[in-house]
């Protein structure tokens, strides 16, 4: 009898969840753009006079960007495009998580000459990282493992690490740090819970000499992307000191606490840090909706928990983060960070669906956030969802879009 009752509640939850997702108006919510097809007629959303006259949009989409920049479509018809990686020959590799494949964009004279899925039949591949000591070896993070592949011979080499899988967040982003270690983000198995596997809701670090992964930082519900602020090495603040790059991660807060709670975050990740989840969020705010224990001291405070560095509106879904290098872009942009906001689903009024700029002064002090590229979100649905951001040595920025199936290219206009 007990099993029947439990089964009934599970079925009821599944039915209600399905109604919520596909018929949100029943709950008084607006239709979530992420689930809806893009509007067929986008001409009424084409940029108006508010777009700077010296900004060039060659996408035929109603995208807006600042003065002095051009945006174009670098490659299209690439559904589910997620993580971007550049090989030693300048070609671009793209994980297609929902397709179970990793594609190669072969470049000739800066343009795509061929696009082909090279590694297929993978289990939700997401993270990509080329071995800094072997340019022909590509590491791929799948839901359940990290493995090495030979891009020249197009073959699997070996598995290097098993990862926890099943339930919850399944993207595994990977990246080699300035220290030569391989870092791996592993999201939580749930929206909010106490994990039974201490590898979940963490960033792991893999030591290749020891062939072992350990927890680098915890309390990260879903740090889908991360990057190092290596561009800051040439900032005025660090000219006369030995600058050590820091690991920054985009972090998604939990759902079902309303439109505005909790914030999504940018966190500066340090070894041994605890970033709060599931009991705390944002600027060390206690999640009393989940954690109902009584404490002698505030459980959400330093040095026990580390607060967020930057907060975004709840459910913005921050993904790719990168720092603008010194050089080809206007000097005002040097060292600032760009973050793609994939867009909300658990919200009555959609938010996100854009790329934002985090501004810093010459001393590395955060000055605020402003829009960099907007226009994907329309009243009838979203035209795309930005994901990863990558720069090439010439200063061109590439941006993946897993809904529109596009890789965009953004460059400063020549003066």
Foldseek 3Di string as FASTA:
>chain_A
DVVVVVVVVVVVVVVVVVCCQPPVVVVVFDHFQVVDDDDPDQVVLAEDPVADPQEAEADPFNKHFHHQKYKYFQDFPAAQWFDWDAFPVGWIWTDRQVQQFIKIQDDDPRHGPDIDTLGHPHARWHAWEAQPVDRQWIWIDWQFFIFIAGNVVSGTDGTLDTDDHDADDRYWYWYQDPVRKIKIAAAARDLADDDPDQNHQFIWIADPVVSDIDGFEHQARPQRDKDWLPLLCPFPQNPPHDDDIWIKTWGAHGFDPAQFPDFTAIATGGGPAHAHPPQAAAQQHGPCVPDVDDDPDRCRDPPNHDHGPDTDGHQQQKAAKDFQHPDFDPPQRHRKMKIARQWGSRHSDIDGQFIKIFGADSNRHTDDIDGGMDRQQDSVHGVWGWHYWDADPVRWIWIATNHRRTIMIMGGDDD
